Amino acid sequence: TVEEVVVLMDIEGARLKDILEVNSLSEGAAKLGYSLMHDESGQLVEHMKSYLAGLHKILNGLPKDAPQKKYTKVANLL
């Protein structure tokens, strides 16, 4: 559901913000994004909007002193 996507992206944002060693989304979040990008049914548009909004929120929430690699890996998904 859309709500599950929102919760997953909030968890990813907290994980990336709080754990300095983590530089990319979890495997599950990355696979979800890949699946949403390649969905041809048109039924998951709201899910994709929530996913992209979550990526923007993550990118804007990263600490200013976060490694460039972390910014790049999140931004590349957008």
N, C-alpha and C. Protein backbone atom coordinates (compact mmCIF):
# COMPACT_ATOMS: atom_id res chain seq x y z
N THR A 1 0.84 -1.18 0.00
CA THR A 1 0.00 0.00 0.00
C THR A 1 0.88 1.25 0.00
N VAL A 2 0.28 2.37 -0.28
CA VAL A 2 0.99 3.64 -0.28
C VAL A 2 1.53 3.93 1.12
N GLU A 3 0.74 3.62 2.13
CA GLU A 3 1.16 3.87 3.51
C GLU A 3 2.42 3.08 3.86
N GLU A 4 2.51 1.87 3.36
CA GLU A 4 3.70 1.05 3.61
C GLU A 4 4.93 1.64 2.95
N VAL A 5 4.76 2.20 1.77
CA VAL A 5 5.87 2.85 1.08
C VAL A 5 6.35 4.05 1.89
N VAL A 6 5.42 4.84 2.40
CA VAL A 6 5.76 6.02 3.20
C VAL A 6 6.54 5.60 4.45
N VAL A 7 6.07 4.58 5.14
CA VAL A 7 6.74 4.10 6.35
C VAL A 7 8.14 3.58 6.02
N LEU A 8 8.25 2.80 4.96
CA LEU A 8 9.56 2.27 4.55
C LEU A 8 10.53 3.40 4.27
N MET A 9 10.08 4.43 3.57
CA MET A 9 10.98 5.53 3.23
C MET A 9 11.36 6.34 4.47
N ASP A 10 10.44 6.46 5.43
CA ASP A 10 10.78 7.12 6.69
C ASP A 10 11.85 6.34 7.45
N ILE A 11 11.72 5.03 7.46
CA ILE A 11 12.73 4.18 8.11
C ILE A 11 14.07 4.32 7.41
N GLU A 12 14.05 4.32 6.08
CA GLU A 12 15.29 4.48 5.31
C GLU A 12 15.94 5.83 5.62
N GLY A 13 15.12 6.87 5.70
CA GLY A 13 15.65 8.20 5.99
C GLY A 13 16.33 8.25 7.35
N ALA A 14 15.70 7.65 8.35
CA ALA A 14 16.28 7.63 9.69
C ALA A 14 17.58 6.82 9.70
N ARG A 15 17.59 5.72 9.00
CA ARG A 15 18.77 4.86 8.95
C ARG A 15 19.94 5.59 8.29
N LEU A 16 19.69 6.25 7.18
CA LEU A 16 20.75 6.96 6.47
C LEU A 16 21.24 8.17 7.25
N LYS A 17 20.33 8.80 7.95
CA LYS A 17 20.69 10.00 8.72
C LYS A 17 21.50 9.65 9.96
N ASP A 18 21.13 8.56 10.62
CA ASP A 18 21.72 8.25 11.92
C ASP A 18 22.94 7.33 11.88
N ILE A 19 23.10 6.57 10.83
CA ILE A 19 24.22 5.63 10.78
C ILE A 19 25.21 6.10 9.72
N LEU A 20 26.32 6.65 10.16
CA LEU A 20 27.27 7.27 9.24
C LEU A 20 27.84 6.31 8.22
N GLU A 21 27.99 5.04 8.59
CA GLU A 21 28.62 4.07 7.69
C GLU A 21 27.71 3.66 6.54
N VAL A 22 26.42 3.90 6.67
CA VAL A 22 25.46 3.49 5.64
C VAL A 22 25.41 4.56 4.56
N ASN A 23 25.67 4.16 3.32
CA ASN A 23 25.70 5.13 2.22
C ASN A 23 24.65 4.89 1.15
N SER A 24 23.80 3.90 1.33
CA SER A 24 22.79 3.65 0.30
C SER A 24 21.54 3.04 0.93
N LEU A 25 20.49 3.02 0.16
CA LEU A 25 19.24 2.43 0.63
C LEU A 25 19.42 0.94 0.88
N SER A 26 18.57 0.41 1.72
CA SER A 26 18.59 -1.03 1.97
C SER A 26 18.21 -1.76 0.68
N GLU A 27 18.51 -3.03 0.64
CA GLU A 27 18.20 -3.83 -0.55
C GLU A 27 16.70 -3.82 -0.84
N GLY A 28 15.89 -3.91 0.21
CA GLY A 28 14.44 -3.92 0.02
C GLY A 28 13.92 -2.62 -0.57
N ALA A 29 14.43 -1.49 -0.09
CA ALA A 29 13.99 -0.20 -0.61
C ALA A 29 14.46 0.01 -2.04
N ALA A 30 15.66 -0.43 -2.34
CA ALA A 30 16.18 -0.31 -3.70
C ALA A 30 15.37 -1.18 -4.66
N LYS A 31 15.04 -2.40 -4.25
CA LYS A 31 14.25 -3.30 -5.10
C LYS A 31 12.85 -2.74 -5.33
N LEU A 32 12.28 -2.14 -4.29
CA LEU A 32 10.96 -1.53 -4.43
C LEU A 32 11.02 -0.42 -5.49
N GLY A 33 12.02 0.43 -5.40
CA GLY A 33 12.16 1.51 -6.38
C GLY A 33 12.31 0.97 -7.79
N TYR A 34 13.11 -0.06 -7.95
CA TYR A 34 13.31 -0.68 -9.26
C TYR A 34 11.99 -1.24 -9.78
N SER A 35 11.25 -1.91 -8.93
CA SER A 35 9.96 -2.48 -9.33
C SER A 35 8.97 -1.39 -9.74
N LEU A 36 8.94 -0.31 -8.97
CA LEU A 36 8.02 0.78 -9.28
C LEU A 36 8.38 1.45 -10.60
N MET A 37 9.68 1.62 -10.85
CA MET A 37 10.12 2.26 -12.09
C MET A 37 9.77 1.41 -13.31
N HIS A 38 9.74 0.12 -13.15
CA HIS A 38 9.50 -0.77 -14.28
C HIS A 38 8.07 -1.30 -14.35
N ASP A 39 7.19 -0.74 -13.54
CA ASP A 39 5.79 -1.14 -13.57
C ASP A 39 5.11 -0.52 -14.79
N GLU A 40 4.54 -1.33 -15.61
CA GLU A 40 3.88 -0.84 -16.82
C GLU A 40 2.36 -0.86 -16.70
N SER A 41 1.86 -1.28 -15.56
CA SER A 41 0.41 -1.38 -15.40
C SER A 41 -0.24 -0.02 -15.19
N GLY A 42 0.52 0.93 -14.66
CA GLY A 42 -0.04 2.24 -14.36
C GLY A 42 -0.84 2.27 -13.07
N GLN A 43 -0.88 1.17 -12.36
CA GLN A 43 -1.67 1.09 -11.13
C GLN A 43 -0.88 1.52 -9.90
N LEU A 44 0.42 1.73 -10.05
CA LEU A 44 1.25 2.04 -8.89
C LEU A 44 1.77 3.48 -8.90
N VAL A 45 1.06 4.37 -9.59
CA VAL A 45 1.50 5.76 -9.70
C VAL A 45 1.60 6.41 -8.33
N GLU A 46 0.62 6.21 -7.49
CA GLU A 46 0.64 6.81 -6.15
C GLU A 46 1.78 6.24 -5.31
N HIS A 47 2.07 4.97 -5.49
CA HIS A 47 3.19 4.35 -4.79
C HIS A 47 4.50 5.02 -5.22
N MET A 48 4.64 5.25 -6.53
CA MET A 48 5.86 5.88 -7.05
C MET A 48 5.98 7.31 -6.54
N LYS A 49 4.88 8.04 -6.50
CA LYS A 49 4.91 9.41 -5.97
C LYS A 49 5.39 9.40 -4.52
N SER A 50 4.90 8.47 -3.73
CA SER A 50 5.31 8.37 -2.33
C SER A 50 6.77 8.00 -2.21
N TYR A 51 7.23 7.11 -3.07
CA TYR A 51 8.63 6.68 -3.06
C TYR A 51 9.54 7.87 -3.40
N LEU A 52 9.19 8.60 -4.45
CA LEU A 52 10.00 9.76 -4.85
C LEU A 52 9.98 10.85 -3.79
N ALA A 53 8.82 11.07 -3.18
CA ALA A 53 8.74 12.05 -2.10
C ALA A 53 9.63 11.62 -0.93
N GLY A 54 9.67 10.32 -0.67
CA GLY A 54 10.54 9.81 0.38
C GLY A 54 12.01 10.03 0.06
N LEU A 55 12.40 9.83 -1.20
CA LEU A 55 13.79 10.08 -1.60
C LEU A 55 14.15 11.55 -1.42
N HIS A 56 13.24 12.44 -1.81
CA HIS A 56 13.49 13.88 -1.61
C HIS A 56 13.64 14.20 -0.13
N LYS A 57 12.79 13.62 0.67
CA LYS A 57 12.83 13.85 2.12
C LYS A 57 14.16 13.35 2.70
N ILE A 58 14.60 12.18 2.24
CA ILE A 58 15.88 11.64 2.70
C ILE A 58 17.02 12.57 2.31
N LEU A 59 17.04 12.98 1.06
CA LEU A 59 18.12 13.83 0.56
C LEU A 59 18.18 15.14 1.32
N ASN A 60 17.02 15.74 1.55
CA ASN A 60 16.98 17.02 2.28
C ASN A 60 17.25 16.85 3.77
N GLY A 61 17.08 15.65 4.30
CA GLY A 61 17.28 15.42 5.73
C GLY A 61 18.68 14.97 6.11
N LEU A 62 19.52 14.71 5.11
CA LEU A 62 20.87 14.26 5.43
C LEU A 62 21.66 15.38 6.08
N PRO A 63 22.48 15.06 7.06
CA PRO A 63 23.30 16.09 7.70
C PRO A 63 24.26 16.72 6.70
N LYS A 64 24.56 17.99 6.91
CA LYS A 64 25.46 18.70 6.00
C LYS A 64 26.84 18.07 5.94
N ASP A 65 27.23 17.38 7.00
CA ASP A 65 28.56 16.76 7.02
C ASP A 65 28.54 15.30 6.56
N ALA A 66 27.42 14.86 5.99
CA ALA A 66 27.34 13.48 5.48
C ALA A 66 28.29 13.34 4.29
N PRO A 67 28.84 12.15 4.10
CA PRO A 67 29.76 11.94 2.98
C PRO A 67 29.09 12.20 1.64
N GLN A 68 29.87 12.72 0.71
CA GLN A 68 29.36 12.99 -0.64
C GLN A 68 28.77 11.73 -1.27
N LYS A 69 29.38 10.58 -0.96
CA LYS A 69 28.91 9.30 -1.51
C LYS A 69 27.45 9.05 -1.13
N LYS A 70 27.09 9.42 0.09
CA LYS A 70 25.73 9.19 0.56
C LYS A 70 24.75 10.06 -0.23
N TYR A 71 25.09 11.34 -0.41
CA TYR A 71 24.24 12.23 -1.21
C TYR A 71 24.10 11.71 -2.63
N THR A 72 25.21 11.30 -3.21
CA THR A 72 25.23 10.85 -4.61
C THR A 72 24.37 9.62 -4.80
N LYS A 73 24.49 8.64 -3.90
CA LYS A 73 23.73 7.39 -4.06
C LYS A 73 22.23 7.63 -3.94
N VAL A 74 21.82 8.52 -3.05
CA VAL A 74 20.39 8.82 -2.92
C VAL A 74 19.92 9.63 -4.13
N ALA A 75 20.70 10.63 -4.52
CA ALA A 75 20.31 11.50 -5.64
C ALA A 75 20.24 10.72 -6.95
N ASN A 76 21.08 9.73 -7.13
CA ASN A 76 21.07 8.95 -8.36
C ASN A 76 19.77 8.18 -8.53
N LEU A 77 19.07 7.90 -7.46
CA LEU A 77 17.79 7.20 -7.54
C LEU A 77 16.67 8.11 -8.02
N LEU A 78 16.88 9.41 -7.83
CA LEU A 78 15.88 10.37 -8.30
C LEU A 78 16.04 10.53 -9.78
